[in-house]
Amino acid sequence: MKQNFSAKIAKHLREACFGENWTDVNLKDTLTGITWKMASAKIDSINSIASLVYHMNYYVKAAIPVLEEGKLDAKDKSSFDHPPINSEEDWNNLKGQVFADVEHLVKLLEQMPEEKLNDIFVDEKYGDYFRNIAGTIEHFYYHLGQIVLIKKLLKS
């Protein structure tokens, strides 16, 4: 069965988070084995894994109300403002929220008419839906690479 492009881009986001992509790297598997102490550890001026995970999801979460209601309520300056991670429960809650938000956005994208990808994303300054969704996935992979490297540094 032929998928429309909205479904294809949804699949791409799902694979970045949950696996089976051609890079063979995904967020869920990468976070496996990272304890809350590792997730909140700082190495010099590098962001913690928890900060990066929250930051990655900030833009996923921001896209959801745009697709549901056409409303954008996100500020770049707030994209690292996450609650503290003081326990394994806090860390598991953050990961669970990320996985749920990605799955929610994926479902919205799967239902979105392909033509909508060319529509303006809230305001012309943001470009179209395709630019924003593709950018969210690129952003996801960019920080995923950082997390992979930080995890290696923490284990060495």
Foldseek 3Di string as FASTA:
>chain_A
DDAFVLLVLLVLLCCQAPNPDPVRFHNVVLCPPQALCQQCDDDPPDHGVLQLLQLLQLLLQQVLCCLVPVDGDDDNVCSRVDDRRDHRVSVVVSSVVSNVSSVSSSVSSSPDDNVQQQPCSSDPVQGGNVSSSVVSSVSSVVSSVVSNVSVVVVVD
